[in-house]
Amino acid sequence: MLSFKQLATHSSIYDQNDFFIHYFNPDARFRYDSNVFQLLISPVRVEFELIEEMNSQFSFDFGLSHVKFYWPENQGIYPDTLAYLNESDYGLEKLELYAILPKSFKAGPVDPLIRISNVSKELLDSFKAINYIEDLTISTAFAEHKQSFYDQLFSQSNVSFLMATINNDPVGSTIIIEGEDTIEIDDLFTLPNFRKRGVATALQQAVMQRAHHEHKTVILAADAEDSPKLMYQKQGYDYISFRIGVQKKIEEGFEWPLQQDN
């Protein structure tokens, strides 16, 4: 059965009990989704405050500037807990999980000039350069730190990078993560000047070809409030489930050191 458990965390389990699973990546402390408490219950306020205290103390001890929690799949937040989250200036997000069999993918028009390449070591700098442009939309600090994170991912045997080019110029890319029965699409994007030309479609077509060959299902997570999910629905993806996340910074103006001790 497909679920958010199939999505890669790019981290390891640091602690686990009846209430949560704590994921931690000491080499990517800037990345919220790699340093997160996955709740196993939907806590009432007093329970959440106890778990929050543990998360905050860990973040302080290990040099993280945030706390983040994911609620159990398909579960909402109790009113008293939600009131506390609002009082405490947490940001809320809702993610939706989508899946598709490769044969069900409905491709729209694609510019015939688009070429899709598997990113080799020789192409890695070009891949990182265009992703730096996209990552700047979050923040300069995020973009700087994610450059070394791409090196981490590139070294993993179950992770591949795809890059789209037009006339040899990089115009978009995606990261794919191989699971036992799935292939996950992550960080799919097109540079602004090349949108509406089918770049994202061409990248997905390349993923579908691989998934078809390997008899796997393609999965991805989409922000419930963003427009890309409408594209996925038109392309034939099926909605599977939702998950709520909450996060906040715990120290204003915190800067991650460029080098982290393991």
C-alpha atoms as a PDB file:
ATOM      1  CA  MET A   1       0.000   0.000   0.000  1.00  0.00           C
ATOM      2  CA  LEU A   2       1.394   3.371  -1.021  1.00  0.00           C
ATOM      3  CA  SER A   3       1.966   5.970   1.675  1.00  0.00           C
ATOM      4  CA  PHE A   4       4.266   8.821   2.675  1.00  0.00           C
ATOM      5  CA  LYS A   5       6.554   6.148   4.143  1.00  0.00           C
ATOM      6  CA  GLN A   6       7.771   5.521   0.594  1.00  0.00           C
ATOM      7  CA  LEU A   7       9.161   9.059   0.322  1.00  0.00           C
ATOM      8  CA  ALA A   8      12.865   9.484   1.023  1.00  0.00           C
ATOM      9  CA  THR A   9      13.838  11.453   4.128  1.00  0.00           C
ATOM     10  CA  HIS A  10      17.552  11.626   3.198  1.00  0.00           C
ATOM     11  CA  SER A  11      18.364  11.068   6.854  1.00  0.00           C
ATOM     12  CA  SER A  12      18.548   8.353   9.494  1.00  0.00           C
ATOM     13  CA  ILE A  13      16.392   7.475  12.477  1.00  0.00           C
ATOM     14  CA  TYR A  14      17.967   9.060  15.553  1.00  0.00           C
ATOM     15  CA  ASP A  15      15.276   8.030  18.052  1.00  0.00           C
ATOM     16  CA  GLN A  16      11.954   6.190  18.015  1.00  0.00           C
ATOM     17  CA  ASN A  17       9.217   5.499  20.538  1.00  0.00           C
ATOM     18  CA  ASP A  18       5.430   5.122  20.715  1.00  0.00           C
ATOM     19  CA  PHE A  19       4.893   8.834  20.020  1.00  0.00           C
ATOM     20  CA  PHE A  20       7.304   9.788  17.238  1.00  0.00           C
ATOM     21  CA  ILE A  21      10.174   8.873  14.927  1.00  0.00           C
ATOM     22  CA  HIS A  22      13.020  11.388  15.032  1.00  0.00           C
ATOM     23  CA  TYR A  23      14.964  11.793  11.775  1.00  0.00           C
ATOM     24  CA  PHE A  24      18.353  13.532  11.768  1.00  0.00           C
ATOM     25  CA  ASN A  25      21.004  14.248   9.147  1.00  0.00           C
ATOM     26  CA  PRO A  26      24.082  15.865  10.740  1.00  0.00           C
ATOM     27  CA  ASP A  27      25.445  16.745   7.295  1.00  0.00           C
ATOM     28  CA  ALA A  28      22.293  18.595   6.198  1.00  0.00           C
ATOM     29  CA  ARG A  29      21.138  20.422   9.315  1.00  0.00           C
ATOM     30  CA  PHE A  30      19.702  23.236   7.197  1.00  0.00           C
ATOM     31  CA  ARG A  31      17.157  20.886   5.602  1.00  0.00           C
ATOM     32  CA  TYR A  32      13.900  20.790   7.542  1.00  0.00           C
ATOM     33  CA  ASP A  33      12.598  17.540   6.022  1.00  0.00           C
ATOM     34  CA  SER A  34      15.793  15.685   6.930  1.00  0.00           C
ATOM     35  CA  ASN A  35      15.594  16.850  10.563  1.00  0.00           C
ATOM     36  CA  VAL A  36      12.037  16.288  11.656  1.00  0.00           C
ATOM     37  CA  PHE A  37       9.826  14.565  14.213  1.00  0.00           C
ATOM     38  CA  GLN A  38       7.325  12.266  12.478  1.00  0.00           C
ATOM     39  CA  LEU A  39       4.483  11.981  14.957  1.00  0.00           C
ATOM     40  CA  LEU A  40       2.864   8.565  15.332  1.00  0.00           C
ATOM     41  CA  ILE A  41      -0.184   9.986  17.118  1.00  0.00           C
ATOM     42  CA  SER A  42      -2.123  13.221  16.762  1.00  0.00           C
ATOM     43  CA  PRO A  43      -1.255  14.804  20.117  1.00  0.00           C
ATOM     44  CA  VAL A  44      -3.430  16.963  22.333  1.00  0.00           C
ATOM     45  CA  ARG A  45      -1.800  20.223  23.423  1.00  0.00           C
ATOM     46  CA  VAL A  46      -0.102  18.968  26.575  1.00  0.00           C
ATOM     47  CA  GLU A  47       1.364  15.991  24.693  1.00  0.00           C
ATOM     48  CA  PHE A  48       2.619  18.196  21.887  1.00  0.00           C
ATOM     49  CA  GLU A  49       4.274  20.632  24.299  1.00  0.00           C
ATOM     50  CA  LEU A  50       6.274  17.769  25.839  1.00  0.00           C
ATOM     51  CA  ILE A  51       7.384  16.493  22.423  1.00  0.00           C
ATOM     52  CA  GLU A  52       8.132  20.053  21.307  1.00  0.00           C
ATOM     53  CA  GLU A  53      10.403  20.568  24.325  1.00  0.00           C
ATOM     54  CA  MET A  54      12.414  17.487  23.354  1.00  0.00           C
ATOM     55  CA  ASN A  55      12.713  18.670  19.751  1.00  0.00           C
ATOM     56  CA  SER A  56      13.715  22.195  20.757  1.00  0.00           C
ATOM     57  CA  GLN A  57      16.373  20.945  23.159  1.00  0.00           C
ATOM     58  CA  PHE A  58      17.792  18.632  20.506  1.00  0.00           C
ATOM     59  CA  SER A  59      17.859  21.451  17.951  1.00  0.00           C
ATOM     60  CA  PHE A  60      19.684  23.702  20.406  1.00  0.00           C
ATOM     61  CA  ASP A  61      22.220  21.001  21.336  1.00  0.00           C
ATOM     62  CA  PHE A  62      22.974  20.013  17.732  1.00  0.00           C
ATOM     63  CA  GLY A  63      22.989  23.423  16.087  1.00  0.00           C
ATOM     64  CA  LEU A  64      19.683  23.343  14.218  1.00  0.00           C
ATOM     65  CA  SER A  65      17.761  26.572  13.828  1.00  0.00           C
ATOM     66  CA  HIS A  66      14.329  25.006  13.461  1.00  0.00           C
ATOM     67  CA  VAL A  67      11.836  22.506  14.755  1.00  0.00           C
ATOM     68  CA  LYS A  68       9.548  20.581  12.424  1.00  0.00           C
ATOM     69  CA  PHE A  69       6.811  18.009  12.964  1.00  0.00           C
ATOM     70  CA  TYR A  70       4.750  15.868  10.627  1.00  0.00           C
ATOM     71  CA  TRP A  71       1.355  14.630  11.751  1.00  0.00           C
ATOM     72  CA  PRO A  72       0.334  11.025  11.008  1.00  0.00           C
ATOM     73  CA  GLU A  73      -0.929  10.452   7.493  1.00  0.00           C
ATOM     74  CA  ASN A  74      -4.562  11.440   6.905  1.00  0.00           C
ATOM     75  CA  GLN A  75      -4.936  12.811  10.436  1.00  0.00           C
ATOM     76  CA  GLY A  76      -5.834  16.341  11.440  1.00  0.00           C
ATOM     77  CA  ILE A  77      -4.801  18.532  14.364  1.00  0.00           C
ATOM     78  CA  TYR A  78      -6.844  18.719  17.568  1.00  0.00           C
ATOM     79  CA  PRO A  79      -8.364  22.183  18.171  1.00  0.00           C
ATOM     80  CA  ASP A  80      -6.419  22.796  21.390  1.00  0.00           C
ATOM     81  CA  THR A  81      -3.153  21.840  19.683  1.00  0.00           C
ATOM     82  CA  LEU A  82      -3.969  23.983  16.661  1.00  0.00           C
ATOM     83  CA  ALA A  83      -4.665  26.957  18.917  1.00  0.00           C
ATOM     84  CA  TYR A  84      -1.257  26.478  20.550  1.00  0.00           C
ATOM     85  CA  LEU A  85       0.474  26.235  17.169  1.00  0.00           C
ATOM     86  CA  ASN A  86      -1.123  29.488  16.059  1.00  0.00           C
ATOM     87  CA  GLU A  87      -0.183  31.195  19.322  1.00  0.00           C
ATOM     88  CA  SER A  88       3.404  29.989  18.898  1.00  0.00           C
ATOM     89  CA  ASP A  89       3.810  31.250  15.327  1.00  0.00           C
ATOM     90  CA  TYR A  90       4.181  27.882  13.645  1.00  0.00           C
ATOM     91  CA  GLY A  91       3.852  27.714   9.888  1.00  0.00           C
ATOM     92  CA  LEU A  92       1.496  25.010   8.641  1.00  0.00           C
ATOM     93  CA  GLU A  93       1.673  23.052   5.403  1.00  0.00           C
ATOM     94  CA  LYS A  94      -0.420  20.330   3.817  1.00  0.00           C
ATOM     95  CA  LEU A  95       1.232  17.879   1.448  1.00  0.00           C
ATOM     96  CA  GLU A  96      -0.587  15.491  -0.850  1.00  0.00           C
ATOM     97  CA  LEU A  97       0.821  12.192  -2.092  1.00  0.00           C
ATOM     98  CA  TYR A  98       0.223  11.272  -5.740  1.00  0.00           C
ATOM     99  CA  ALA A  99       1.022   8.106  -7.677  1.00  0.00           C
ATOM    100  CA  ILE A 100       0.796   6.905 -11.264  1.00  0.00           C
ATOM    101  CA  LEU A 101       1.513   3.797 -13.300  1.00  0.00           C
ATOM    102  CA  PRO A 102       3.784   4.752 -16.219  1.00  0.00           C
ATOM    103  CA  LYS A 103       1.250   3.613 -18.846  1.00  0.00           C
ATOM    104  CA  SER A 104      -1.329   6.042 -17.406  1.00  0.00           C
ATOM    105  CA  PHE A 105       0.817   9.152 -17.874  1.00  0.00           C
ATOM    106  CA  LYS A 106      -0.855  11.744 -20.130  1.00  0.00           C
ATOM    107  CA  ALA A 107       1.804  13.873 -21.763  1.00  0.00           C
ATOM    108  CA  GLY A 108       1.061  17.311 -23.143  1.00  0.00           C
ATOM    109  CA  PRO A 109       2.974  19.090 -25.951  1.00  0.00           C
ATOM    110  CA  VAL A 110       6.773  18.967 -25.685  1.00  0.00           C
ATOM    111  CA  ASP A 111       9.212  21.234 -27.499  1.00  0.00           C
ATOM    112  CA  PRO A 112      11.158  18.927 -29.892  1.00  0.00           C
ATOM    113  CA  LEU A 113      14.381  20.747 -29.001  1.00  0.00           C
ATOM    114  CA  ILE A 114      14.295  19.431 -25.425  1.00  0.00           C
ATOM    115  CA  ARG A 115      16.845  16.781 -24.577  1.00  0.00           C
ATOM    116  CA  ILE A 116      16.932  14.791 -21.316  1.00  0.00           C
ATOM    117  CA  SER A 117      20.234  13.543 -19.924  1.00  0.00           C
ATOM    118  CA  ASN A 118      21.230  11.433 -16.961  1.00  0.00           C
ATOM    119  CA  VAL A 119      23.562  13.669 -14.974  1.00  0.00           C
ATOM    120  CA  SER A 120      27.091  12.297 -14.938  1.00  0.00           C
ATOM    121  CA  LYS A 121      29.966  13.562 -12.834  1.00  0.00           C
ATOM    122  CA  GLU A 122      30.907  15.820 -15.745  1.00  0.00           C
ATOM    123  CA  LEU A 123      27.426  17.384 -15.788  1.00  0.00           C
ATOM    124  CA  LEU A 124      27.067  17.708 -12.011  1.00  0.00           C
ATOM    125  CA  ASP A 125      28.310  21.309 -11.863  1.00  0.00           C
ATOM    126  CA  SER A 126      25.750  22.361 -14.496  1.00  0.00           C
ATOM    127  CA  PHE A 127      23.010  20.594 -12.550  1.00  0.00           C
ATOM    128  CA  LYS A 128      24.051  22.347  -9.337  1.00  0.00           C
ATOM    129  CA  ALA A 129      24.244  25.706 -11.092  1.00  0.00           C
ATOM    130  CA  ILE A 130      20.646  25.691 -12.362  1.00  0.00           C
ATOM    131  CA  ASN A 131      19.354  24.303  -9.060  1.00  0.00           C
ATOM    132  CA  TYR A 132      21.159  27.132  -7.267  1.00  0.00           C
ATOM    133  CA  ILE A 133      18.994  29.556  -9.247  1.00  0.00           C
ATOM    134  CA  GLU A 134      15.845  27.718  -8.168  1.00  0.00           C
ATOM    135  CA  ASP A 135      16.979  27.369  -4.540  1.00  0.00           C
ATOM    136  CA  LEU A 136      17.562  31.124  -4.313  1.00  0.00           C
ATOM    137  CA  THR A 137      13.781  31.537  -4.363  1.00  0.00           C
ATOM    138  CA  ILE A 138      13.853  30.208  -0.784  1.00  0.00           C
ATOM    139  CA  SER A 139      16.929  32.048   0.499  1.00  0.00           C
ATOM    140  CA  THR A 140      20.601  32.608  -0.222  1.00  0.00           C
ATOM    141  CA  ALA A 141      21.636  30.574   2.835  1.00  0.00           C
ATOM    142  CA  PHE A 142      19.450  27.667   1.712  1.00  0.00           C
ATOM    143  CA  ALA A 143      20.877  27.767  -1.810  1.00  0.00           C
ATOM    144  CA  GLU A 144      24.469  27.872  -0.530  1.00  0.00           C
ATOM    145  CA  HIS A 145      24.048  24.939   1.807  1.00  0.00           C
ATOM    146  CA  LYS A 146      22.090  22.826  -0.637  1.00  0.00           C
ATOM    147  CA  GLN A 147      25.057  22.753  -3.034  1.00  0.00           C
ATOM    148  CA  SER A 148      26.913  20.279  -0.815  1.00  0.00           C
ATOM    149  CA  PHE A 149      23.669  18.382  -0.208  1.00  0.00           C
ATOM    150  CA  TYR A 150      23.498  17.649  -3.948  1.00  0.00           C
ATOM    151  CA  ASP A 151      26.952  16.074  -3.645  1.00  0.00           C
ATOM    152  CA  GLN A 152      25.616  13.850  -0.858  1.00  0.00           C
ATOM    153  CA  LEU A 153      22.660  12.743  -2.964  1.00  0.00           C
ATOM    154  CA  PHE A 154      24.745  12.193  -6.088  1.00  0.00           C
ATOM    155  CA  SER A 155      26.901   9.674  -4.234  1.00  0.00           C
ATOM    156  CA  GLN A 156      23.909   7.502  -3.282  1.00  0.00           C
ATOM    157  CA  SER A 157      23.277   4.452  -5.442  1.00  0.00           C
ATOM    158  CA  ASN A 158      19.476   4.772  -5.378  1.00  0.00           C
ATOM    159  CA  VAL A 159      19.449   8.450  -6.422  1.00  0.00           C
ATOM    160  CA  SER A 160      19.736   9.819  -9.965  1.00  0.00           C
ATOM    161  CA  PHE A 161      19.667  13.329 -11.397  1.00  0.00           C
ATOM    162  CA  LEU A 162      18.017  14.182 -14.720  1.00  0.00           C
ATOM    163  CA  MET A 163      18.618  17.436 -16.576  1.00  0.00           C
ATOM    164  CA  ALA A 164      16.748  18.978 -19.489  1.00  0.00           C
ATOM    165  CA  THR A 165      18.544  21.068 -22.099  1.00  0.00           C
ATOM    166  CA  ILE A 166      17.536  23.145 -25.106  1.00  0.00           C
ATOM    167  CA  ASN A 167      20.354  23.814 -27.579  1.00  0.00           C
ATOM    168  CA  ASN A 168      22.756  22.460 -24.930  1.00  0.00           C
ATOM    169  CA  ASP A 169      21.609  25.028 -22.341  1.00  0.00           C
ATOM    170  CA  PRO A 170      20.284  23.567 -19.061  1.00  0.00           C
ATOM    171  CA  VAL A 171      16.629  24.561 -18.596  1.00  0.00           C
ATOM    172  CA  GLY A 172      15.288  22.228 -15.881  1.00  0.00           C
ATOM    173  CA  SER A 173      15.939  19.154 -13.815  1.00  0.00           C
ATOM    174  CA  THR A 174      14.607  16.639 -11.340  1.00  0.00           C
ATOM    175  CA  ILE A 175      15.885  14.154  -8.776  1.00  0.00           C
ATOM    176  CA  ILE A 176      14.592  10.586  -8.777  1.00  0.00           C
ATOM    177  CA  ILE A 177      14.852   8.158  -5.883  1.00  0.00           C
ATOM    178  CA  GLU A 178      14.529   4.417  -6.455  1.00  0.00           C
ATOM    179  CA  GLY A 179      12.502   2.397  -3.965  1.00  0.00           C
ATOM    180  CA  GLU A 180      11.738  -1.291  -3.935  1.00  0.00           C
ATOM    181  CA  ASP A 181       8.489  -0.834  -5.873  1.00  0.00           C
ATOM    182  CA  THR A 182       8.483   2.903  -6.571  1.00  0.00           C
ATOM    183  CA  ILE A 183      10.393   5.729  -8.193  1.00  0.00           C
ATOM    184  CA  GLU A 184       9.990   9.081  -6.447  1.00  0.00           C
ATOM    185  CA  ILE A 185      10.148  12.366  -8.352  1.00  0.00           C
ATOM    186  CA  ASP A 186      11.587  15.211  -6.289  1.00  0.00           C
ATOM    187  CA  ASP A 187      12.669  18.813  -6.969  1.00  0.00           C
ATOM    188  CA  LEU A 188      11.075  18.903 -10.430  1.00  0.00           C
ATOM    189  CA  PHE A 189      11.419  22.407 -11.878  1.00  0.00           C
ATOM    190  CA  THR A 190      11.873  24.476 -15.040  1.00  0.00           C
ATOM    191  CA  LEU A 191      13.763  27.754 -15.244  1.00  0.00           C
ATOM    192  CA  PRO A 192      11.249  30.625 -15.560  1.00  0.00           C
ATOM    193  CA  ASN A 193      12.240  31.668 -19.086  1.00  0.00           C
ATOM    194  CA  PHE A 194      11.567  28.164 -20.446  1.00  0.00           C
ATOM    195  CA  ARG A 195       8.198  27.356 -18.904  1.00  0.00           C
ATOM    196  CA  LYS A 196       5.171  26.405 -21.053  1.00  0.00           C
ATOM    197  CA  ARG A 197       7.417  24.420 -23.409  1.00  0.00           C
ATOM    198  CA  GLY A 198       6.926  20.963 -21.892  1.00  0.00           C
ATOM    199  CA  VAL A 199      10.208  20.740 -19.982  1.00  0.00           C
ATOM    200  CA  ALA A 200       8.606  19.210 -16.870  1.00  0.00           C
ATOM    201  CA  THR A 201       6.624  16.840 -19.081  1.00  0.00           C
ATOM    202  CA  ALA A 202       9.770  15.687 -20.882  1.00  0.00           C
ATOM    203  CA  LEU A 203      11.531  15.052 -17.570  1.00  0.00           C
ATOM    204  CA  GLN A 204       8.573  13.039 -16.332  1.00  0.00           C
ATOM    205  CA  GLN A 205       8.453  11.054 -19.565  1.00  0.00           C
ATOM    206  CA  ALA A 206      12.041   9.987 -18.936  1.00  0.00           C
ATOM    207  CA  VAL A 207      11.068   8.861 -15.434  1.00  0.00           C
ATOM    208  CA  MET A 208       8.046   6.970 -16.800  1.00  0.00           C
ATOM    209  CA  GLN A 209      10.249   5.100 -19.263  1.00  0.00           C
ATOM    210  CA  ARG A 210      12.518   3.958 -16.456  1.00  0.00           C
ATOM    211  CA  ALA A 211       9.602   3.034 -14.204  1.00  0.00           C
ATOM    212  CA  HIS A 212       7.941   1.065 -17.020  1.00  0.00           C
ATOM    213  CA  HIS A 213      11.151  -0.866 -17.642  1.00  0.00           C
ATOM    214  CA  GLU A 214      11.504  -1.638 -13.929  1.00  0.00           C
ATOM    215  CA  HIS A 215       7.764  -2.322 -13.366  1.00  0.00           C
ATOM    216  CA  LYS A 216       7.521   0.383 -10.714  1.00  0.00           C
ATOM    217  CA  THR A 217       4.973   3.020  -9.684  1.00  0.00           C
ATOM    218  CA  VAL A 218       5.942   6.701  -9.838  1.00  0.00           C
ATOM    219  CA  ILE A 219       5.182   8.770  -6.725  1.00  0.00           C
ATOM    220  CA  LEU A 220       5.595  12.381  -5.669  1.00  0.00           C
ATOM    221  CA  ALA A 221       4.463  14.852  -3.003  1.00  0.00           C
ATOM    222  CA  ALA A 222       2.787  18.145  -3.913  1.00  0.00           C
ATOM    223  CA  ASP A 223       1.879  21.164  -1.817  1.00  0.00           C
ATOM    224  CA  ALA A 224      -1.900  21.164  -1.476  1.00  0.00           C
ATOM    225  CA  GLU A 225      -1.959  24.945  -1.936  1.00  0.00           C
ATOM    226  CA  ASP A 226       0.272  25.157  -5.037  1.00  0.00           C
ATOM    227  CA  SER A 227      -0.719  24.908  -8.688  1.00  0.00           C
ATOM    228  CA  PRO A 228       1.666  22.067  -9.751  1.00  0.00           C
ATOM    229  CA  LYS A 229      -0.709  19.523  -8.215  1.00  0.00           C
ATOM    230  CA  LEU A 230      -3.280  20.529 -10.847  1.00  0.00           C
ATOM    231  CA  MET A 231      -0.745  19.627 -13.539  1.00  0.00           C
ATOM    232  CA  TYR A 232      -0.196  16.218 -11.955  1.00  0.00           C
ATOM    233  CA  GLN A 233      -3.938  15.558 -11.830  1.00  0.00           C
ATOM    234  CA  LYS A 234      -4.286  16.414 -15.536  1.00  0.00           C
ATOM    235  CA  GLN A 235      -1.378  14.112 -16.315  1.00  0.00           C
ATOM    236  CA  GLY A 236      -3.170  11.160 -14.723  1.00  0.00           C
ATOM    237  CA  TYR A 237      -1.690  10.954 -11.242  1.00  0.00           C
ATOM    238  CA  ASP A 238      -3.984   9.561  -8.557  1.00  0.00           C
ATOM    239  CA  TYR A 239      -4.384  11.237  -5.171  1.00  0.00           C
ATOM    240  CA  ILE A 240      -3.336   8.842  -2.394  1.00  0.00           C
ATOM    241  CA  SER A 241      -3.321  10.698   0.935  1.00  0.00           C
ATOM    242  CA  PHE A 242      -2.366  13.879   2.783  1.00  0.00           C
ATOM    243  CA  ARG A 243      -0.006  14.826   5.586  1.00  0.00           C
ATOM    244  CA  ILE A 244       0.134  17.992   7.681  1.00  0.00           C
ATOM    245  CA  GLY A 245       3.433  19.539   8.729  1.00  0.00           C
ATOM    246  CA  VAL A 246       4.274  22.384  11.099  1.00  0.00           C
ATOM    247  CA  GLN A 247       7.573  24.199  11.499  1.00  0.00           C
ATOM    248  CA  LYS A 248       9.221  27.299  12.875  1.00  0.00           C
ATOM    249  CA  LYS A 249      12.620  28.835  13.454  1.00  0.00           C
ATOM    250  CA  ILE A 250      13.792  28.717  17.040  1.00  0.00           C
ATOM    251  CA  GLU A 251      16.492  31.389  16.827  1.00  0.00           C
ATOM    252  CA  GLU A 252      16.011  34.487  14.725  1.00  0.00           C
ATOM    253  CA  GLY A 253      18.970  35.369  12.545  1.00  0.00           C
ATOM    254  CA  PHE A 254      20.662  31.989  13.069  1.00  0.00           C
ATOM    255  CA  GLU A 255      23.333  31.193  10.457  1.00  0.00           C
ATOM    256  CA  TRP A 256      24.437  27.642   9.699  1.00  0.00           C
ATOM    257  CA  PRO A 257      28.211  27.236   9.587  1.00  0.00           C
ATOM    258  CA  LEU A 258      29.408  26.263   6.133  1.00  0.00           C
ATOM    259  CA  GLN A 259      31.234  23.278   7.594  1.00  0.00           C
ATOM    260  CA  GLN A 260      29.490  20.940  10.041  1.00  0.00           C
ATOM    261  CA  ASP A 261      31.181  18.549  12.440  1.00  0.00           C
ATOM    262  CA  ASN A 262      29.832  15.008  12.230  1.00  0.00           C
END
